[in-house]
């Protein structure tokens, strides 16, 4: 990591160390809220990703099953027509 990019990280780390060192109620509350927000955001992101994967899988399954269902439909149509001709 270059020196220019490391400065914000060092500032954030220093702020965290100072905040923990002060042991203030507001800092602990802010950390708790941040942790809860992060967990909720990750849960929603995982659910959205799961929904996207299920959607893509269902489309792929429909494409793979289409020839088989057409074949079965044609066979049943022939069977029905043969039975109707009797």
PDB file of N, CA and C in Angstrom:
ATOM      1  N   UNK A   1       0.849  -1.164   0.000  1.00  0.00           N
ATOM      2  CA  UNK A   1       0.000   0.000   0.000  1.00  0.00           C
ATOM      3  C   UNK A   1       0.897   1.230   0.000  1.00  0.00           C
ATOM      4  N   UNK A   2       0.598   2.170  -0.843  1.00  0.00           N
ATOM      5  CA  UNK A   2       1.429   3.367  -0.932  1.00  0.00           C
ATOM      6  C   UNK A   2       1.187   4.281   0.277  1.00  0.00           C
ATOM      7  N   UNK A   3       2.116   5.191   0.462  1.00  0.00           N
ATOM      8  CA  UNK A   3       2.047   6.080   1.625  1.00  0.00           C
ATOM      9  C   UNK A   3       0.799   6.961   1.580  1.00  0.00           C
ATOM     10  N   UNK A   4       0.432   7.425   0.400  1.00  0.00           N
ATOM     11  CA  UNK A   4      -0.739   8.282   0.256  1.00  0.00           C
ATOM     12  C   UNK A   4      -2.037   7.569   0.570  1.00  0.00           C
ATOM     13  N   UNK A   5      -2.096   6.288   0.261  1.00  0.00           N
ATOM     14  CA  UNK A   5      -3.317   5.518   0.512  1.00  0.00           C
ATOM     15  C   UNK A   5      -3.385   5.030   1.948  1.00  0.00           C
ATOM     16  N   UNK A   6      -2.267   4.974   2.634  1.00  0.00           N
ATOM     17  CA  UNK A   6      -2.237   4.461   3.999  1.00  0.00           C
ATOM     18  C   UNK A   6      -2.684   5.496   5.017  1.00  0.00           C
ATOM     19  N   UNK A   7      -2.626   6.767   4.675  1.00  0.00           N
ATOM     20  CA  UNK A   7      -2.939   7.818   5.646  1.00  0.00           C
ATOM     21  C   UNK A   7      -4.392   7.744   6.133  1.00  0.00           C
ATOM     22  N   UNK A   8      -5.393   7.578   5.282  1.00  0.00           N
ATOM     23  CA  UNK A   8      -6.766   7.458   5.818  1.00  0.00           C
ATOM     24  C   UNK A   8      -6.932   6.247   6.736  1.00  0.00           C
ATOM     25  N   UNK A   9      -6.274   5.150   6.409  1.00  0.00           N
ATOM     26  CA  UNK A   9      -6.368   3.964   7.257  1.00  0.00           C
ATOM     27  C   UNK A   9      -5.727   4.219   8.614  1.00  0.00           C
ATOM     28  N   UNK A  10      -4.607   4.906   8.617  1.00  0.00           N
ATOM     29  CA  UNK A  10      -3.936   5.207   9.874  1.00  0.00           C
ATOM     30  C   UNK A  10      -4.806   6.150  10.708  1.00  0.00           C
ATOM     31  N   UNK A  11      -5.433   7.124  10.047  1.00  0.00           N
ATOM     32  CA  UNK A  11      -6.328   8.039  10.758  1.00  0.00           C
ATOM     33  C   UNK A  11      -7.511   7.315  11.374  1.00  0.00           C
ATOM     34  N   UNK A  12      -8.099   6.401  10.627  1.00  0.00           N
ATOM     35  CA  UNK A  12      -9.227   5.622  11.147  1.00  0.00           C
ATOM     36  C   UNK A  12      -8.810   4.730  12.293  1.00  0.00           C
ATOM     37  N   UNK A  13      -7.655   4.115  12.152  1.00  0.00           N
ATOM     38  CA  UNK A  13      -7.145   3.264  13.227  1.00  0.00           C
ATOM     39  C   UNK A  13      -6.842   4.087  14.474  1.00  0.00           C
ATOM     40  N   UNK A  14      -6.251   5.266  14.287  1.00  0.00           N
ATOM     41  CA  UNK A  14      -5.950   6.133  15.430  1.00  0.00           C
ATOM     42  C   UNK A  14      -7.233   6.582  16.115  1.00  0.00           C
ATOM     43  N   UNK A  15      -8.249   6.914  15.339  1.00  0.00           N
ATOM     44  CA  UNK A  15      -9.533   7.317  15.919  1.00  0.00           C
ATOM     45  C   UNK A  15     -10.161   6.177  16.714  1.00  0.00           C
ATOM     46  N   UNK A  16     -10.067   4.964  16.192  1.00  0.00           N
ATOM     47  CA  UNK A  16     -10.600   3.803  16.898  1.00  0.00           C
ATOM     48  C   UNK A  16      -9.862   3.572  18.205  1.00  0.00           C
ATOM     49  N   UNK A  17      -8.540   3.675  18.178  1.00  0.00           N
ATOM     50  CA  UNK A  17      -7.744   3.476  19.395  1.00  0.00           C
ATOM     51  C   UNK A  17      -8.078   4.538  20.424  1.00  0.00           C
ATOM     52  N   UNK A  18      -8.200   5.791  19.988  1.00  0.00           N
ATOM     53  CA  UNK A  18      -8.542   6.877  20.911  1.00  0.00           C
ATOM     54  C   UNK A  18      -9.947   6.663  21.472  1.00  0.00           C
ATOM     55  N   UNK A  19     -10.891   6.268  20.596  1.00  0.00           N
ATOM     56  CA  UNK A  19     -12.263   6.044  21.057  1.00  0.00           C
ATOM     57  C   UNK A  19     -12.358   4.916  22.064  1.00  0.00           C
ATOM     58  N   UNK A  20     -11.656   3.827  21.827  1.00  0.00           N
ATOM     59  CA  UNK A  20     -11.656   2.710  22.769  1.00  0.00           C
ATOM     60  C   UNK A  20     -10.937   3.126  24.048  1.00  0.00           C
ATOM     61  N   UNK A  21      -9.880   3.906  23.911  1.00  0.00           N
ATOM     62  CA  UNK A  21      -9.140   4.377  25.074  1.00  0.00           C
ATOM     63  C   UNK A  21      -9.978   5.290  25.953  1.00  0.00           C
ATOM     64  N   UNK A  22     -10.837   6.093  25.356  1.00  0.00           N
ATOM     65  CA  UNK A  22     -11.691   6.976  26.149  1.00  0.00           C
ATOM     66  C   UNK A  22     -12.802   6.196  26.839  1.00  0.00           C
ATOM     67  N   UNK A  23     -13.176   5.045  26.265  1.00  0.00           N
ATOM     68  CA  UNK A  23     -14.199   4.170  26.841  1.00  0.00           C
ATOM     69  C   UNK A  23     -15.506   4.935  27.087  1.00  0.00           C
ATOM     70  N   UNK A  24     -15.914   5.681  26.081  1.00  0.00           N
ATOM     71  CA  UNK A  24     -17.143   6.460  26.224  1.00  0.00           C
ATOM     72  C   UNK A  24     -18.349   5.632  25.805  1.00  0.00           C
ATOM     73  N   UNK A  25     -19.465   5.982  26.395  1.00  0.00           N
ATOM     74  CA  UNK A  25     -20.713   5.295  26.092  1.00  0.00           C
ATOM     75  C   UNK A  25     -21.109   5.522  24.633  1.00  0.00           C
ATOM     76  N   UNK A  26     -20.948   6.741  24.157  1.00  0.00           N
ATOM     77  CA  UNK A  26     -21.358   7.076  22.797  1.00  0.00           C
ATOM     78  C   UNK A  26     -20.514   6.345  21.761  1.00  0.00           C
ATOM     79  N   UNK A  27     -19.236   6.189  22.039  1.00  0.00           N
ATOM     80  CA  UNK A  27     -18.386   5.473  21.089  1.00  0.00           C
ATOM     81  C   UNK A  27     -18.773   4.000  21.031  1.00  0.00           C
ATOM     82  N   UNK A  28     -19.026   3.392  22.180  1.00  0.00           N
ATOM     83  CA  UNK A  28     -19.441   1.974  22.184  1.00  0.00           C
ATOM     84  C   UNK A  28     -20.791   1.811  21.503  1.00  0.00           C
ATOM     85  N   UNK A  29     -21.688   2.759  21.712  1.00  0.00           N
ATOM     86  CA  UNK A  29     -22.994   2.702  21.060  1.00  0.00           C
ATOM     87  C   UNK A  29     -22.844   2.844  19.548  1.00  0.00           C
ATOM     88  N   UNK A  30     -21.970   3.739  19.112  1.00  0.00           N
ATOM     89  CA  UNK A  30     -21.740   3.899  17.677  1.00  0.00           C
ATOM     90  C   UNK A  30     -21.145   2.630  17.070  1.00  0.00           C
ATOM     91  N   UNK A  31     -20.217   1.993  17.770  1.00  0.00           N
ATOM     92  CA  UNK A  31     -19.654   0.726  17.283  1.00  0.00           C
ATOM     93  C   UNK A  31     -20.714  -0.362  17.201  1.00  0.00           C
ATOM     94  N   UNK A  32     -21.598  -0.425  18.200  1.00  0.00           N
ATOM     95  CA  UNK A  32     -22.667  -1.423  18.186  1.00  0.00           C
ATOM     96  C   UNK A  32     -23.620  -1.187  17.023  1.00  0.00           C
ATOM     97  N   UNK A  33     -23.983   0.062  16.786  1.00  0.00           N
ATOM     98  CA  UNK A  33     -24.876   0.385  15.670  1.00  0.00           C
ATOM     99  C   UNK A  33     -24.207   0.055  14.340  1.00  0.00           C
ATOM    100  N   UNK A  34     -22.922   0.376  14.240  1.00  0.00           N
ATOM    101  CA  UNK A  34     -22.198   0.055  13.012  1.00  0.00           C
ATOM    102  C   UNK A  34     -22.145  -1.456  12.783  1.00  0.00           C
ATOM    103  N   UNK A  35     -21.910  -2.217  13.844  1.00  0.00           N
ATOM    104  CA  UNK A  35     -21.866  -3.679  13.711  1.00  0.00           C
ATOM    105  C   UNK A  35     -23.227  -4.232  13.296  1.00  0.00           C
ATOM    106  N   UNK A  36     -24.299  -3.733  13.902  1.00  0.00           N
ATOM    107  CA  UNK A  36     -25.644  -4.206  13.551  1.00  0.00           C
ATOM    108  C   UNK A  36     -25.981  -3.829  12.115  1.00  0.00           C
ATOM    109  N   UNK A  37     -25.672  -2.602  11.718  1.00  0.00           N
ATOM    110  CA  UNK A  37     -25.925  -2.165  10.348  1.00  0.00           C
ATOM    111  C   UNK A  37     -25.163  -3.041   9.351  1.00  0.00           C
ATOM    112  N   UNK A  38     -23.909  -3.343   9.679  1.00  0.00           N
ATOM    113  CA  UNK A  38     -23.098  -4.179   8.794  1.00  0.00           C
ATOM    114  C   UNK A  38     -23.704  -5.570   8.659  1.00  0.00           C
ATOM    115  N   UNK A  39     -24.134  -6.163   9.767  1.00  0.00           N
ATOM    116  CA  UNK A  39     -24.730  -7.502   9.715  1.00  0.00           C
ATOM    117  C   UNK A  39     -26.043  -7.515   8.934  1.00  0.00           C
ATOM    118  N   UNK A  40     -26.872  -6.498   9.139  1.00  0.00           N
ATOM    119  CA  UNK A  40     -28.139  -6.428   8.407  1.00  0.00           C
ATOM    120  C   UNK A  40     -27.883  -6.228   6.916  1.00  0.00           C
ATOM    121  N   UNK A  41     -26.935  -5.358   6.585  1.00  0.00           N
ATOM    122  CA  UNK A  41     -26.603  -5.131   5.183  1.00  0.00           C
ATOM    123  C   UNK A  41     -26.086  -6.414   4.528  1.00  0.00           C
ATOM    124  N   UNK A  42     -25.211  -7.143   5.226  1.00  0.00           N
ATOM    125  CA  UNK A  42     -24.688  -8.395   4.676  1.00  0.00           C
ATOM    126  C   UNK A  42     -25.797  -9.433   4.507  1.00  0.00           C
ATOM    127  N   UNK A  43     -26.719  -9.500   5.450  1.00  0.00           N
ATOM    128  CA  UNK A  43     -27.830 -10.439   5.339  1.00  0.00           C
ATOM    129  C   UNK A  43     -28.703 -10.117   4.129  1.00  0.00           C
ATOM    130  N   UNK A  44     -29.021  -8.840   3.944  1.00  0.00           N
ATOM    131  CA  UNK A  44     -29.845  -8.443   2.796  1.00  0.00           C
ATOM    132  C   UNK A  44     -29.102  -8.697   1.481  1.00  0.00           C
ATOM    133  N   UNK A  45     -27.804  -8.415   1.465  1.00  0.00           N
ATOM    134  CA  UNK A  45     -27.013  -8.657   0.257  1.00  0.00           C
ATOM    135  C   UNK A  45     -26.952 -10.144  -0.066  1.00  0.00           C
ATOM    136  N   UNK A  46     -26.799 -10.979   0.945  1.00  0.00           N
ATOM    137  CA  UNK A  46     -26.767 -12.428   0.713  1.00  0.00           C
ATOM    138  C   UNK A  46     -28.122 -12.934   0.205  1.00  0.00           C
ATOM    139  N   UNK A  47     -29.213 -12.423   0.767  1.00  0.00           N
ATOM    140  CA  UNK A  47     -30.533 -12.830   0.296  1.00  0.00           C
ATOM    141  C   UNK A  47     -30.769 -12.393  -1.149  1.00  0.00           C
ATOM    142  N   UNK A  48     -30.322 -11.191  -1.497  1.00  0.00           N
ATOM    143  CA  UNK A  48     -30.462 -10.720  -2.876  1.00  0.00           C
ATOM    144  C   UNK A  48     -29.632 -11.576  -3.827  1.00  0.00           C
ATOM    145  N   UNK A  49     -28.431 -11.931  -3.408  1.00  0.00           N
ATOM    146  CA  UNK A  49     -27.588 -12.789  -4.239  1.00  0.00           C
ATOM    147  C   UNK A  49     -28.207 -14.169  -4.396  1.00  0.00           C
ATOM    148  N   UNK A  50     -28.763 -14.698  -3.320  1.00  0.00           N
ATOM    149  CA  UNK A  50     -29.424 -16.000  -3.395  1.00  0.00           C
ATOM    150  C   UNK A  50     -30.615 -15.948  -4.338  1.00  0.00           C
ATOM    151  N   UNK A  51     -31.407 -14.878  -4.268  1.00  0.00           N
ATOM    152  CA  UNK A  51     -32.552 -14.733  -5.163  1.00  0.00           C
ATOM    153  C   UNK A  51     -32.103 -14.658  -6.620  1.00  0.00           C
ATOM    154  N   UNK A  52     -31.023 -13.940  -6.879  1.00  0.00           N
ATOM    155  CA  UNK A  52     -30.493 -13.850  -8.239  1.00  0.00           C
ATOM    156  C   UNK A  52     -30.009 -15.210  -8.735  1.00  0.00           C
ATOM    157  N   UNK A  53     -29.321 -15.943  -7.883  1.00  0.00           N
ATOM    158  CA  UNK A  53     -28.836 -17.266  -8.284  1.00  0.00           C
ATOM    159  C   UNK A  53     -29.985 -18.241  -8.539  1.00  0.00           C
ATOM    160  N   UNK A  54     -31.029 -18.189  -7.723  1.00  0.00           N
ATOM    161  CA  UNK A  54     -32.198 -19.051  -7.936  1.00  0.00           C
ATOM    162  C   UNK A  54     -32.883 -18.689  -9.240  1.00  0.00           C
ATOM    163  N   UNK A  55     -32.997 -17.393  -9.520  1.00  0.00           N
ATOM    164  CA  UNK A  55     -33.620 -16.946 -10.770  1.00  0.00           C
ATOM    165  C   UNK A  55     -32.830 -17.461 -11.983  1.00  0.00           C
ATOM    166  N   UNK A  56     -31.508 -17.293 -11.955  1.00  0.00           N
ATOM    167  CA  UNK A  56     -30.672 -17.749 -13.079  1.00  0.00           C
ATOM    168  C   UNK A  56     -30.731 -19.258 -13.227  1.00  0.00           C
ATOM    169  N   UNK A  57     -30.722 -19.969 -12.113  1.00  0.00           N
ATOM    170  CA  UNK A  57     -30.802 -21.429 -12.171  1.00  0.00           C
ATOM    171  C   UNK A  57     -32.137 -21.889 -12.729  1.00  0.00           C
ATOM    172  N   UNK A  58     -33.220 -21.208 -12.373  1.00  0.00           N
ATOM    173  CA  UNK A  58     -34.532 -21.614 -12.895  1.00  0.00           C
ATOM    174  C   UNK A  58     -34.618 -21.373 -14.405  1.00  0.00           C
ATOM    175  N   UNK A  59     -34.026 -20.268 -14.880  1.00  0.00           N
ATOM    176  CA  UNK A  59     -34.027 -20.031 -16.323  1.00  0.00           C
ATOM    177  C   UNK A  59     -33.211 -21.093 -17.055  1.00  0.00           C
ATOM    178  N   UNK A  60     -32.060 -21.453 -16.504  1.00  0.00           N
ATOM    179  CA  UNK A  60     -31.227 -22.471 -17.126  1.00  0.00           C
ATOM    180  C   UNK A  60     -31.937 -23.822 -17.125  1.00  0.00           C
ATOM    181  N   UNK A  61     -32.601 -24.141 -16.032  1.00  0.00           N
ATOM    182  CA  UNK A  61     -33.341 -25.400 -15.948  1.00  0.00           C
ATOM    183  C   UNK A  61     -34.470 -25.439 -16.963  1.00  0.00           C
ATOM    184  N   UNK A  62     -35.142 -24.309 -17.146  1.00  0.00           N
ATOM    185  CA  UNK A  62     -36.216 -24.249 -18.138  1.00  0.00           C
ATOM    186  C   UNK A  62     -35.667 -24.452 -19.546  1.00  0.00           C
ATOM    187  N   UNK A  63     -34.496 -23.907 -19.837  1.00  0.00           N
ATOM    188  CA  UNK A  63     -33.900 -24.110 -21.160  1.00  0.00           C
ATOM    189  C   UNK A  63     -33.481 -25.563 -21.365  1.00  0.00           C
ATOM    190  N   UNK A  64     -32.965 -26.190 -20.327  1.00  0.00           N
ATOM    191  CA  UNK A  64     -32.538 -27.588 -20.452  1.00  0.00           C
ATOM    192  C   UNK A  64     -33.732 -28.535 -20.577  1.00  0.00           C
ATOM    193  N   UNK A  65     -34.843 -28.216 -19.934  1.00  0.00           N
ATOM    194  CA  UNK A  65     -35.998 -29.117 -19.920  1.00  0.00           C
ATOM    195  C   UNK A  65     -36.916 -28.928 -21.123  1.00  0.00           C
ATOM    196  N   UNK A  66     -36.763 -27.844 -21.852  1.00  0.00           N
ATOM    197  CA  UNK A  66     -37.673 -27.561 -22.953  1.00  0.00           C
ATOM    198  C   UNK A  66     -37.696 -28.679 -24.000  1.00  0.00           C
ATOM    199  N   UNK A  67     -36.558 -29.183 -24.488  1.00  0.00           N
ATOM    200  CA  UNK A  67     -36.626 -30.261 -25.481  1.00  0.00           C
ATOM    201  C   UNK A  67     -37.297 -31.525 -24.937  1.00  0.00           C
ATOM    202  N   UNK A  68     -37.051 -31.855 -23.696  1.00  0.00           N
ATOM    203  CA  UNK A  68     -37.647 -33.048 -23.110  1.00  0.00           C
ATOM    204  C   UNK A  68     -39.154 -32.890 -22.998  1.00  0.00           C
ATOM    205  N   UNK A  69     -39.628 -31.732 -22.561  1.00  0.00           N
ATOM    206  CA  UNK A  69     -41.074 -31.527 -22.441  1.00  0.00           C
ATOM    207  C   UNK A  69     -41.744 -31.503 -23.807  1.00  0.00           C
ATOM    208  N   UNK A  70     -41.066 -30.970 -24.822  1.00  0.00           N
ATOM    209  CA  UNK A  70     -41.648 -30.989 -26.161  1.00  0.00           C
ATOM    210  C   UNK A  70     -41.739 -32.420 -26.680  1.00  0.00           C
ATOM    211  N   UNK A  71     -40.726 -33.218 -26.394  1.00  0.00           N
ATOM    212  CA  UNK A  71     -40.744 -34.625 -26.821  1.00  0.00           C
ATOM    213  C   UNK A  71     -41.881 -35.365 -26.140  1.00  0.00           C
ATOM    214  N   UNK A  72     -42.036 -35.185 -24.847  1.00  0.00           N
ATOM    215  CA  UNK A  72     -43.129 -35.848 -24.129  1.00  0.00           C
ATOM    216  C   UNK A  72     -44.491 -35.354 -24.611  1.00  0.00           C
ATOM    217  N   UNK A  73     -44.618 -34.071 -24.882  1.00  0.00           N
ATOM    218  CA  UNK A  73     -45.893 -33.536 -25.371  1.00  0.00           C
ATOM    219  C   UNK A  73     -46.239 -34.137 -26.727  1.00  0.00           C
ATOM    220  N   UNK A  74     -45.260 -34.288 -27.606  1.00  0.00           N
ATOM    221  CA  UNK A  74     -45.513 -34.898 -28.919  1.00  0.00           C
ATOM    222  C   UNK A  74     -45.919 -36.354 -28.781  1.00  0.00           C
ATOM    223  N   UNK A  75     -45.276 -37.095 -27.887  1.00  0.00           N
ATOM    224  CA  UNK A  75     -45.636 -38.501 -27.687  1.00  0.00           C
ATOM    225  C   UNK A  75     -47.054 -38.638 -27.142  1.00  0.00           C
ATOM    226  N   UNK A  76     -47.416 -37.793 -26.170  1.00  0.00           N
ATOM    227  CA  UNK A  76     -48.779 -37.858 -25.637  1.00  0.00           C
ATOM    228  C   UNK A  76     -49.801 -37.429 -26.675  1.00  0.00           C
ATOM    229  N   UNK A  77     -49.440 -36.479 -27.529  1.00  0.00           N
ATOM    230  CA  UNK A  77     -50.350 -36.037 -28.588  1.00  0.00           C
ATOM    231  C   UNK A  77     -50.609 -37.187 -29.563  1.00  0.00           C
ATOM    232  N   UNK A  78     -49.529 -37.912 -29.936  1.00  0.00           N
ATOM    233  CA  UNK A  78     -49.698 -39.064 -30.828  1.00  0.00           C
ATOM    234  C   UNK A  78     -50.547 -40.154 -30.181  1.00  0.00           C
ATOM    235  N   UNK A  79     -50.316 -40.392 -28.904  1.00  0.00           N
ATOM    236  CA  UNK A  79     -51.085 -41.406 -28.186  1.00  0.00           C
ATOM    237  C   UNK A  79     -52.545 -41.007 -28.113  1.00  0.00           C
ATOM    238  N   UNK A  80     -52.819 -39.741 -27.838  1.00  0.00           N
ATOM    239  CA  UNK A  80     -54.195 -39.258 -27.761  1.00  0.00           C
ATOM    240  C   UNK A  80     -54.883 -39.357 -29.130  1.00  0.00           C
ATOM    241  N   UNK A  81     -54.157 -38.972 -30.188  1.00  0.00           N
ATOM    242  CA  UNK A  81     -54.761 -39.055 -31.534  1.00  0.00           C
ATOM    243  C   UNK A  81     -55.016 -40.501 -31.935  1.00  0.00           C
ATOM    244  N   UNK A  82     -54.112 -41.404 -31.560  1.00  0.00           N
ATOM    245  CA  UNK A  82     -54.331 -42.825 -31.875  1.00  0.00           C
ATOM    246  C   UNK A  82     -55.530 -43.360 -31.119  1.00  0.00           C
ATOM    247  N   UNK A  83     -55.712 -42.941 -29.890  1.00  0.00           N
ATOM    248  CA  UNK A  83     -56.867 -43.378 -29.104  1.00  0.00           C
ATOM    249  C   UNK A  83     -58.159 -42.757 -29.641  1.00  0.00           C
ATOM    250  N   UNK A  84     -58.079 -41.530 -30.133  1.00  0.00           N
ATOM    251  CA  UNK A  84     -59.283 -40.849 -30.651  1.00  0.00           C
ATOM    252  C   UNK A  84     -59.735 -41.442 -31.969  1.00  0.00           C
ATOM    253  N   UNK A  85     -58.821 -42.009 -32.735  1.00  0.00           N
ATOM    254  CA  UNK A  85     -59.192 -42.591 -34.044  1.00  0.00           C
ATOM    255  C   UNK A  85     -59.928 -43.909 -33.893  1.00  0.00           C
ATOM    256  N   UNK A  86     -59.867 -44.540 -32.789  1.00  0.00           N
ATOM    257  CA  UNK A  86     -60.537 -45.840 -32.603  1.00  0.00           C
ATOM    258  C   UNK A  86     -62.000 -45.745 -32.666  1.00  0.00           C
TER     259      UNK A  86
END
